[in-house]
Amino acid sequence: MTLTGSGFLPSHRVWVRTAVSGVVPACSGQLISDIRTSGQLLQATSDPSGAIAVHVDPKVTLPPLLVCDNPVQYFYGAYFGEQLHFSAHDGRYEGGRLLWSNTFTLTV
């Protein structure tokens, strides 16, 4: 998917964070809580107007979730009905804190 945004510093590096929340069925059939955040931020460069368009693949950006321990099985990405959350920053600080964009959330 392509994530777009605007209002960043012009022609500047922008970092994007991906997170997921919801529940995923385990091998036992029980639902397990799933709250994961990307370990590494995606990097993009804003255009001269401060806009970004960055390719995001939750199967790559999110860490795997252990859903079965015998045999070991992992789930990658986001499960149907879960919510994906995206936020970004361009390195600006406000009041001594890193200024993140509003979080954009969508349901898978």
C-alpha atoms as a PDB file:
ATOM      1  CA  MET A   1       0.000   0.000   0.000  1.00  0.00           C
ATOM      2  CA  THR A   2       1.106   3.578  -0.505  1.00  0.00           C
ATOM      3  CA  LEU A   3       0.848   5.930   2.432  1.00  0.00           C
ATOM      4  CA  THR A   4       0.631   9.628   1.604  1.00  0.00           C
ATOM      5  CA  GLY A   5       0.940  12.668   3.824  1.00  0.00           C
ATOM      6  CA  SER A   6       1.660  16.373   3.757  1.00  0.00           C
ATOM      7  CA  GLY A   7       2.784  19.233   5.983  1.00  0.00           C
ATOM      8  CA  PHE A   8       6.353  18.014   6.416  1.00  0.00           C
ATOM      9  CA  LEU A   9       9.443  20.132   5.930  1.00  0.00           C
ATOM     10  CA  PRO A  10      10.105  20.555   2.186  1.00  0.00           C
ATOM     11  CA  SER A  11      12.688  18.228   0.607  1.00  0.00           C
ATOM     12  CA  HIS A  12      13.452  16.681   3.970  1.00  0.00           C
ATOM     13  CA  ARG A  13      13.859  13.173   5.381  1.00  0.00           C
ATOM     14  CA  VAL A  14      10.669  11.798   6.996  1.00  0.00           C
ATOM     15  CA  TRP A  15      10.413   8.717   9.222  1.00  0.00           C
ATOM     16  CA  VAL A  16       7.237   6.576   9.281  1.00  0.00           C
ATOM     17  CA  ARG A  17       6.179   4.261  12.125  1.00  0.00           C
ATOM     18  CA  THR A  18       3.788   1.335  11.605  1.00  0.00           C
ATOM     19  CA  ALA A  19       1.823  -0.358  14.405  1.00  0.00           C
ATOM     20  CA  VAL A  20      -0.994  -2.902  14.611  1.00  0.00           C
ATOM     21  CA  SER A  21      -3.592  -3.643  17.278  1.00  0.00           C
ATOM     22  CA  GLY A  22      -6.284  -6.260  17.573  1.00  0.00           C
ATOM     23  CA  VAL A  23      -6.645  -9.992  18.080  1.00  0.00           C
ATOM     24  CA  VAL A  24      -5.340 -12.954  16.091  1.00  0.00           C
ATOM     25  CA  PRO A  25      -6.462 -16.592  16.339  1.00  0.00           C
ATOM     26  CA  ALA A  26      -3.819 -18.924  17.766  1.00  0.00           C
ATOM     27  CA  CYS A  27      -3.407 -22.560  16.724  1.00  0.00           C
ATOM     28  CA  SER A  28      -5.472 -23.557  19.768  1.00  0.00           C
ATOM     29  CA  GLY A  29      -8.396 -21.539  18.414  1.00  0.00           C
ATOM     30  CA  GLN A  30      -8.160 -18.979  21.203  1.00  0.00           C
ATOM     31  CA  LEU A  31      -7.788 -15.309  20.327  1.00  0.00           C
ATOM     32  CA  ILE A  32      -4.538 -13.680  21.368  1.00  0.00           C
ATOM     33  CA  SER A  33      -3.916  -9.980  21.803  1.00  0.00           C
ATOM     34  CA  ASP A  34      -1.789  -8.441  19.079  1.00  0.00           C
ATOM     35  CA  ILE A  35      -0.053  -5.133  19.722  1.00  0.00           C
ATOM     36  CA  ARG A  36       3.093  -4.720  17.624  1.00  0.00           C
ATOM     37  CA  THR A  37       5.119  -1.717  16.484  1.00  0.00           C
ATOM     38  CA  SER A  38       7.673  -1.610  13.703  1.00  0.00           C
ATOM     39  CA  GLY A  39      11.149  -2.011  15.110  1.00  0.00           C
ATOM     40  CA  GLN A  40      12.629   0.087  12.352  1.00  0.00           C
ATOM     41  CA  LEU A  41      11.115   3.270  10.970  1.00  0.00           C
ATOM     42  CA  LEU A  42      10.615   3.594   7.225  1.00  0.00           C
ATOM     43  CA  GLN A  43      12.412   6.519   5.628  1.00  0.00           C
ATOM     44  CA  ALA A  44      11.097   8.745   2.880  1.00  0.00           C
ATOM     45  CA  THR A  45      11.984  12.162   1.504  1.00  0.00           C
ATOM     46  CA  SER A  46       9.320  14.811   1.224  1.00  0.00           C
ATOM     47  CA  ASP A  47       8.890  16.642  -2.067  1.00  0.00           C
ATOM     48  CA  PRO A  48       9.414  20.431  -2.403  1.00  0.00           C
ATOM     49  CA  SER A  49       5.863  21.030  -1.105  1.00  0.00           C
ATOM     50  CA  GLY A  50       6.406  18.847   2.005  1.00  0.00           C
ATOM     51  CA  ALA A  51       4.355  15.854   0.804  1.00  0.00           C
ATOM     52  CA  ILE A  52       5.360  12.174   1.003  1.00  0.00           C
ATOM     53  CA  ALA A  53       4.280   8.965  -0.696  1.00  0.00           C
ATOM     54  CA  VAL A  54       5.886   5.849   0.778  1.00  0.00           C
ATOM     55  CA  HIS A  55       5.301   2.144   0.103  1.00  0.00           C
ATOM     56  CA  VAL A  56       4.355   0.301   3.310  1.00  0.00           C
ATOM     57  CA  ASP A  57       4.164  -3.492   3.557  1.00  0.00           C
ATOM     58  CA  PRO A  58       3.049  -4.556   7.072  1.00  0.00           C
ATOM     59  CA  LYS A  59       4.356  -8.081   6.417  1.00  0.00           C
ATOM     60  CA  VAL A  60       7.829  -6.554   6.179  1.00  0.00           C
ATOM     61  CA  THR A  61       7.656  -3.607   8.608  1.00  0.00           C
ATOM     62  CA  LEU A  62       5.952  -5.348  11.548  1.00  0.00           C
ATOM     63  CA  PRO A  63       7.718  -8.017  13.607  1.00  0.00           C
ATOM     64  CA  PRO A  64       6.290 -11.550  13.350  1.00  0.00           C
ATOM     65  CA  LEU A  65       3.766 -12.727  15.962  1.00  0.00           C
ATOM     66  CA  LEU A  66       4.135 -16.197  17.496  1.00  0.00           C
ATOM     67  CA  VAL A  67       0.710 -17.875  17.144  1.00  0.00           C
ATOM     68  CA  CYS A  68       1.681 -21.486  17.771  1.00  0.00           C
ATOM     69  CA  ASP A  69       4.569 -22.944  19.751  1.00  0.00           C
ATOM     70  CA  ASN A  70       4.263 -26.606  18.743  1.00  0.00           C
ATOM     71  CA  PRO A  71       4.905 -26.645  15.879  1.00  0.00           C
ATOM     72  CA  VAL A  72       6.301 -23.119  15.856  1.00  0.00           C
ATOM     73  CA  GLN A  73       4.260 -20.848  13.582  1.00  0.00           C
ATOM     74  CA  TYR A  74       4.413 -17.100  13.122  1.00  0.00           C
ATOM     75  CA  PHE A  75       1.920 -14.653  11.665  1.00  0.00           C
ATOM     76  CA  TYR A  76       3.217 -11.801   9.492  1.00  0.00           C
ATOM     77  CA  GLY A  77       1.418  -8.547   8.752  1.00  0.00           C
ATOM     78  CA  ALA A  78      -2.065  -7.679   9.995  1.00  0.00           C
ATOM     79  CA  TYR A  79      -5.015 -10.036  10.447  1.00  0.00           C
ATOM     80  CA  PHE A  80      -8.514  -9.330   9.094  1.00  0.00           C
ATOM     81  CA  GLY A  81     -10.300  -6.933  11.450  1.00  0.00           C
ATOM     82  CA  GLU A  82      -7.131  -5.587  13.067  1.00  0.00           C
ATOM     83  CA  GLN A  83      -6.228  -1.918  12.946  1.00  0.00           C
ATOM     84  CA  LEU A  84      -3.072  -0.553  11.331  1.00  0.00           C
ATOM     85  CA  HIS A  85      -1.720   2.726  12.701  1.00  0.00           C
ATOM     86  CA  PHE A  86       0.693   5.044  10.897  1.00  0.00           C
ATOM     87  CA  SER A  87       2.448   8.181  12.107  1.00  0.00           C
ATOM     88  CA  ALA A  88       5.458  10.133  10.850  1.00  0.00           C
ATOM     89  CA  HIS A  89       7.914  12.853  11.786  1.00  0.00           C
ATOM     90  CA  ASP A  90      10.465  15.010  10.005  1.00  0.00           C
ATOM     91  CA  GLY A  91      12.793  15.552  12.947  1.00  0.00           C
ATOM     92  CA  ARG A  92      11.157  18.688  14.329  1.00  0.00           C
ATOM     93  CA  TYR A  93      10.813  19.175  18.066  1.00  0.00           C
ATOM     94  CA  GLU A  94       8.159  21.131  19.936  1.00  0.00           C
ATOM     95  CA  GLY A  95       8.505  21.828  23.641  1.00  0.00           C
ATOM     96  CA  GLY A  96      11.527  19.514  23.800  1.00  0.00           C
ATOM     97  CA  ARG A  97       9.602  16.550  22.356  1.00  0.00           C
ATOM     98  CA  LEU A  98       9.739  14.972  18.911  1.00  0.00           C
ATOM     99  CA  LEU A  99       6.744  16.186  16.898  1.00  0.00           C
ATOM    100  CA  TRP A 100       4.844  13.210  15.395  1.00  0.00           C
ATOM    101  CA  SER A 101       2.041  13.592  12.870  1.00  0.00           C
ATOM    102  CA  ASN A 102      -1.528  12.721  13.739  1.00  0.00           C
ATOM    103  CA  THR A 103      -1.934   8.941  13.667  1.00  0.00           C
ATOM    104  CA  PHE A 104      -3.755   7.567  10.625  1.00  0.00           C
ATOM    105  CA  THR A 105      -5.649   4.343  11.404  1.00  0.00           C
ATOM    106  CA  LEU A 106      -7.319   1.891   9.058  1.00  0.00           C
ATOM    107  CA  THR A 107      -9.067  -1.432   9.621  1.00  0.00           C
ATOM    108  CA  VAL A 108      -7.728  -4.386   7.641  1.00  0.00           C
END
